[in-house]
Amino acid sequence: MLTSPTTHPSIHKLPLCLSYKHAGAMVVEAYLDNHESLVSLLSSIDYVISAIAENKIAQQLKFVQAMKQVGTIN
């Protein structure tokens, strides 16, 4: 599970992040503005389910660009 360093510690989202972690998800932090970091993280996964808020369309596009560069994500 990819979360931004500013979202993960958010008091209202922390229980949700922890529940995913306890269920077996790996939680990693990255900024969506760091293209190289995203490409590196995405190169080791096969599937992406995005839950980026709809008011963050520009951030979604950065994420999609990184996925396209990796080229192996379904």
Protein backbone atom coordinates (compact mmCIF):
# COMPACT_ATOMS: atom_id res chain seq x y z
CA MET A 1 0.00 0.00 0.00
CA LEU A 2 1.51 3.29 -1.11
CA THR A 3 0.73 6.29 1.03
CA SER A 4 2.26 9.73 1.13
CA PRO A 5 4.31 10.70 4.17
CA THR A 6 1.74 13.41 4.87
CA THR A 7 -1.29 11.09 4.68
CA HIS A 8 -0.06 8.03 6.58
CA PRO A 9 0.30 9.72 9.97
CA SER A 10 -3.06 11.49 9.60
CA ILE A 11 -4.99 10.68 12.77
CA HIS A 12 -8.19 9.75 10.91
CA LYS A 13 -6.41 7.51 8.36
CA LEU A 14 -3.94 5.81 10.69
CA PRO A 15 -6.39 3.07 11.85
CA LEU A 16 -7.20 2.21 8.23
CA CYS A 17 -3.51 2.01 7.27
CA LEU A 18 -2.79 -0.16 10.29
CA SER A 19 -5.70 -2.49 9.51
CA TYR A 20 -4.31 -3.08 6.00
CA LYS A 21 -0.86 -3.67 7.42
CA HIS A 22 -2.20 -6.21 9.92
CA ALA A 23 -4.03 -7.95 7.07
CA GLY A 24 -0.71 -8.46 5.30
CA ALA A 25 -0.29 -5.40 3.11
CA MET A 26 3.13 -3.83 2.86
CA VAL A 27 2.83 -0.11 3.60
CA VAL A 28 5.36 2.15 1.86
CA GLU A 29 5.58 5.91 1.82
CA ALA A 30 6.40 8.01 -1.23
CA TYR A 31 5.63 11.43 -2.64
CA LEU A 32 3.72 11.37 -5.92
CA ASP A 33 5.89 14.25 -7.11
CA ASN A 34 9.01 12.06 -7.05
CA HIS A 35 8.81 10.26 -10.39
CA GLU A 36 11.98 8.21 -10.00
CA SER A 37 10.90 6.97 -6.58
CA LEU A 38 7.49 5.93 -7.92
CA VAL A 39 9.03 4.07 -10.85
CA SER A 40 11.35 2.24 -8.47
CA LEU A 41 8.49 1.24 -6.17
CA LEU A 42 6.16 0.26 -8.99
CA SER A 43 8.76 -1.92 -10.71
CA SER A 44 8.30 -4.58 -8.04
CA ILE A 45 4.50 -4.95 -8.24
CA ASP A 46 2.03 -6.41 -10.73
CA TYR A 47 -1.28 -4.69 -9.96
CA VAL A 48 -2.37 -1.22 -8.87
CA ILE A 49 -5.64 -0.17 -7.30
CA SER A 50 -5.65 3.59 -6.97
CA ALA A 51 -7.60 5.37 -4.26
CA ILE A 52 -6.23 8.82 -4.93
CA ALA A 53 -8.96 11.39 -4.27
CA GLU A 54 -10.83 12.72 -7.29
CA ASN A 55 -9.75 16.27 -6.48
CA LYS A 56 -6.14 15.14 -7.00
CA ILE A 57 -6.36 14.43 -10.74
CA ALA A 58 -2.93 15.95 -11.41
CA GLN A 59 -1.44 13.57 -8.84
CA GLN A 60 -3.27 10.63 -10.48
CA LEU A 61 -1.69 11.52 -13.81
CA LYS A 62 1.80 11.51 -12.27
CA PHE A 63 1.07 8.07 -10.87
CA VAL A 64 -0.18 6.82 -14.26
CA GLN A 65 2.91 8.20 -16.01
CA ALA A 66 5.14 6.24 -13.61
CA MET A 67 3.06 3.07 -14.19
CA LYS A 68 3.35 3.51 -17.95
CA GLN A 69 7.11 3.87 -17.71
CA VAL A 70 7.38 0.64 -15.70
CA GLY A 71 5.27 -1.11 -18.36
CA THR A 72 4.58 -4.31 -16.43
CA ILE A 73 1.56 -3.32 -14.37
CA ASN A 74 -1.83 -4.79 -15.28
